[in-house]
């Protein structure tokens, strides 16, 4: 499912850096992070 989200500019740059460190593009980094966070909380 596709969803658009607004990410504040001051958060976007650090997110991009984290994605690069994990060798992922930003979309996949955020997607994997959210899936992991939800599964961990179950």
PDB file of N, CA and C in Angstrom:
ATOM      1  N   UNK A   1       0.840  -1.169   0.000  1.00  0.00           N
ATOM      2  CA  UNK A   1       0.000   0.000   0.000  1.00  0.00           C
ATOM      3  C   UNK A   1       0.888   1.236   0.000  1.00  0.00           C
ATOM      4  N   UNK A   2       0.549   2.176  -0.821  1.00  0.00           N
ATOM      5  CA  UNK A   2       1.322   3.413  -0.880  1.00  0.00           C
ATOM      6  C   UNK A   2       0.663   4.472  -0.017  1.00  0.00           C
ATOM      7  N   UNK A   3       1.494   5.193   0.714  1.00  0.00           N
ATOM      8  CA  UNK A   3       1.037   6.311   1.548  1.00  0.00           C
ATOM      9  C   UNK A   3       2.046   7.431   1.440  1.00  0.00           C
ATOM     10  N   UNK A   4       1.570   8.633   1.429  1.00  0.00           N
ATOM     11  CA  UNK A   4       2.460   9.793   1.454  1.00  0.00           C
ATOM     12  C   UNK A   4       2.534  10.299   2.884  1.00  0.00           C
ATOM     13  N   UNK A   5       3.731  10.603   3.319  1.00  0.00           N
ATOM     14  CA  UNK A   5       3.911  11.177   4.653  1.00  0.00           C
ATOM     15  C   UNK A   5       4.763  12.431   4.535  1.00  0.00           C
ATOM     16  N   UNK A   6       4.525  13.371   5.409  1.00  0.00           N
ATOM     17  CA  UNK A   6       5.331  14.584   5.446  1.00  0.00           C
ATOM     18  C   UNK A   6       6.387  14.427   6.522  1.00  0.00           C
ATOM     19  N   UNK A   7       7.629  14.620   6.137  1.00  0.00           N
ATOM     20  CA  UNK A   7       8.749  14.525   7.063  1.00  0.00           C
ATOM     21  C   UNK A   7       9.378  15.908   7.160  1.00  0.00           C
ATOM     22  N   UNK A   8       9.493  16.447   8.367  1.00  0.00           N
ATOM     23  CA  UNK A   8      10.097  17.779   8.518  1.00  0.00           C
ATOM     24  C   UNK A   8      11.520  17.804   7.965  1.00  0.00           C
ATOM     25  N   UNK A   9      11.892  18.935   7.375  1.00  0.00           N
ATOM     26  CA  UNK A   9      13.212  19.079   6.761  1.00  0.00           C
ATOM     27  C   UNK A   9      14.354  18.808   7.740  1.00  0.00           C
ATOM     28  N   UNK A  10      14.181  19.214   8.996  1.00  0.00           N
ATOM     29  CA  UNK A  10      15.266  19.007   9.963  1.00  0.00           C
ATOM     30  C   UNK A  10      15.451  17.533  10.333  1.00  0.00           C
ATOM     31  N   UNK A  11      14.468  16.703  10.015  1.00  0.00           N
ATOM     32  CA  UNK A  11      14.558  15.262  10.271  1.00  0.00           C
ATOM     33  C   UNK A  11      15.039  14.518   9.026  1.00  0.00           C
ATOM     34  N   UNK A  12      14.771  15.067   7.868  1.00  0.00           N
ATOM     35  CA  UNK A  12      15.073  14.384   6.611  1.00  0.00           C
ATOM     36  C   UNK A  12      16.564  14.119   6.417  1.00  0.00           C
ATOM     37  N   UNK A  13      17.401  15.104   6.681  1.00  0.00           N
ATOM     38  CA  UNK A  13      18.845  14.924   6.477  1.00  0.00           C
ATOM     39  C   UNK A  13      19.411  13.820   7.374  1.00  0.00           C
ATOM     40  N   UNK A  14      19.115  13.827   8.690  1.00  0.00           N
ATOM     41  CA  UNK A  14      19.621  12.725   9.526  1.00  0.00           C
ATOM     42  C   UNK A  14      19.076  11.361   9.088  1.00  0.00           C
ATOM     43  N   UNK A  15      17.825  11.325   8.616  1.00  0.00           N
ATOM     44  CA  UNK A  15      17.270  10.060   8.125  1.00  0.00           C
ATOM     45  C   UNK A  15      18.035   9.560   6.910  1.00  0.00           C
ATOM     46  N   UNK A  16      18.365  10.463   6.007  1.00  0.00           N
ATOM     47  CA  UNK A  16      19.128  10.085   4.814  1.00  0.00           C
ATOM     48  C   UNK A  16      20.500   9.534   5.204  1.00  0.00           C
ATOM     49  N   UNK A  17      21.131  10.141   6.187  1.00  0.00           N
ATOM     50  CA  UNK A  17      22.441   9.678   6.647  1.00  0.00           C
ATOM     51  C   UNK A  17      22.329   8.279   7.237  1.00  0.00           C
ATOM     52  N   UNK A  18      21.293   8.052   8.052  1.00  0.00           N
ATOM     53  CA  UNK A  18      21.083   6.717   8.627  1.00  0.00           C
ATOM     54  C   UNK A  18      20.850   5.678   7.535  1.00  0.00           C
ATOM     55  N   UNK A  19      20.088   6.043   6.515  1.00  0.00           N
ATOM     56  CA  UNK A  19      19.819   5.115   5.412  1.00  0.00           C
ATOM     57  C   UNK A  19      21.109   4.749   4.688  1.00  0.00           C
ATOM     58  N   UNK A  20      21.949   5.744   4.416  1.00  0.00           N
ATOM     59  CA  UNK A  20      23.221   5.484   3.730  1.00  0.00           C
ATOM     60  C   UNK A  20      24.097   4.560   4.573  1.00  0.00           C
ATOM     61  N   UNK A  21      24.115   4.781   5.882  1.00  0.00           N
ATOM     62  CA  UNK A  21      24.920   3.927   6.767  1.00  0.00           C
ATOM     63  C   UNK A  21      24.450   2.481   6.733  1.00  0.00           C
ATOM     64  N   UNK A  22      23.153   2.270   6.473  1.00  0.00           N
ATOM     65  CA  UNK A  22      22.599   0.909   6.378  1.00  0.00           C
ATOM     66  C   UNK A  22      22.604   0.401   4.941  1.00  0.00           C
ATOM     67  N   UNK A  23      23.206   1.177   4.028  1.00  0.00           N
ATOM     68  CA  UNK A  23      23.304   0.828   2.608  1.00  0.00           C
ATOM     69  C   UNK A  23      21.917   0.616   1.989  1.00  0.00           C
ATOM     70  N   UNK A  24      20.982   1.516   2.314  1.00  0.00           N
ATOM     71  CA  UNK A  24      19.629   1.443   1.776  1.00  0.00           C
ATOM     72  C   UNK A  24      19.229   2.814   1.255  1.00  0.00           C
ATOM     73  N   UNK A  25      18.251   2.817   0.346  1.00  0.00           N
ATOM     74  CA  UNK A  25      17.695   4.109  -0.036  1.00  0.00           C
ATOM     75  C   UNK A  25      16.720   4.539   1.062  1.00  0.00           C
ATOM     76  N   UNK A  26      16.354   5.809   1.047  1.00  0.00           N
ATOM     77  CA  UNK A  26      15.548   6.366   2.134  1.00  0.00           C
ATOM     78  C   UNK A  26      14.208   5.654   2.269  1.00  0.00           C
ATOM     79  N   UNK A  27      13.539   5.398   1.157  1.00  0.00           N
ATOM     80  CA  UNK A  27      12.233   4.739   1.185  1.00  0.00           C
ATOM     81  C   UNK A  27      12.316   3.382   1.881  1.00  0.00           C
ATOM     82  N   UNK A  28      13.266   2.573   1.469  1.00  0.00           N
ATOM     83  CA  UNK A  28      13.387   1.240   2.052  1.00  0.00           C
ATOM     84  C   UNK A  28      13.846   1.283   3.498  1.00  0.00           C
ATOM     85  N   UNK A  29      14.679   2.248   3.835  1.00  0.00           N
ATOM     86  CA  UNK A  29      15.110   2.389   5.222  1.00  0.00           C
ATOM     87  C   UNK A  29      13.917   2.687   6.126  1.00  0.00           C
ATOM     88  N   UNK A  30      13.104   3.657   5.734  1.00  0.00           N
ATOM     89  CA  UNK A  30      11.939   4.022   6.548  1.00  0.00           C
ATOM     90  C   UNK A  30      10.946   2.866   6.602  1.00  0.00           C
ATOM     91  N   UNK A  31      10.727   2.243   5.469  1.00  0.00           N
ATOM     92  CA  UNK A  31       9.800   1.113   5.403  1.00  0.00           C
ATOM     93  C   UNK A  31      10.246  -0.015   6.330  1.00  0.00           C
ATOM     94  N   UNK A  32      11.493  -0.416   6.258  1.00  0.00           N
ATOM     95  CA  UNK A  32      12.018  -1.489   7.107  1.00  0.00           C
ATOM     96  C   UNK A  32      11.977  -1.100   8.581  1.00  0.00           C
ATOM     97  N   UNK A  33      12.297   0.155   8.868  1.00  0.00           N
ATOM     98  CA  UNK A  33      12.271   0.632  10.250  1.00  0.00           C
ATOM     99  C   UNK A  33      10.863   0.536  10.831  1.00  0.00           C
ATOM    100  N   UNK A  34       9.879   0.987  10.083  1.00  0.00           N
ATOM    101  CA  UNK A  34       8.501   0.952  10.567  1.00  0.00           C
ATOM    102  C   UNK A  34       8.002  -0.471  10.762  1.00  0.00           C
ATOM    103  N   UNK A  35       8.290  -1.344   9.815  1.00  0.00           N
ATOM    104  CA  UNK A  35       7.875  -2.743   9.937  1.00  0.00           C
ATOM    105  C   UNK A  35       8.523  -3.369  11.171  1.00  0.00           C
ATOM    106  N   UNK A  36       9.809  -3.145  11.358  1.00  0.00           N
ATOM    107  CA  UNK A  36      10.523  -3.689  12.510  1.00  0.00           C
ATOM    108  C   UNK A  36       9.937  -3.148  13.817  1.00  0.00           C
ATOM    109  N   UNK A  37       9.662  -1.867  13.861  1.00  0.00           N
ATOM    110  CA  UNK A  37       9.116  -1.230  15.069  1.00  0.00           C
ATOM    111  C   UNK A  37       7.763  -1.832  15.435  1.00  0.00           C
ATOM    112  N   UNK A  38       6.900  -2.028  14.454  1.00  0.00           N
ATOM    113  CA  UNK A  38       5.570  -2.581  14.722  1.00  0.00           C
ATOM    114  C   UNK A  38       5.660  -4.040  15.164  1.00  0.00           C
ATOM    115  N   UNK A  39       6.496  -4.815  14.500  1.00  0.00           N
ATOM    116  CA  UNK A  39       6.638  -6.229  14.862  1.00  0.00           C
ATOM    117  C   UNK A  39       7.232  -6.383  16.257  1.00  0.00           C
ATOM    118  N   UNK A  40       8.142  -5.519  16.609  1.00  0.00           N
ATOM    119  CA  UNK A  40       8.776  -5.560  17.938  1.00  0.00           C
ATOM    120  C   UNK A  40       7.759  -5.250  19.037  1.00  0.00           C
ATOM    121  N   UNK A  41       6.791  -4.405  18.731  1.00  0.00           N
ATOM    122  CA  UNK A  41       5.805  -3.983  19.712  1.00  0.00           C
ATOM    123  C   UNK A  41       4.689  -4.965  19.970  1.00  0.00           C
ATOM    124  N   UNK A  42       4.599  -6.017  19.162  1.00  0.00           N
ATOM    125  CA  UNK A  42       3.518  -6.999  19.322  1.00  0.00           C
ATOM    126  C   UNK A  42       3.705  -7.869  20.529  1.00  0.00           C
TER     127      UNK A  42
END
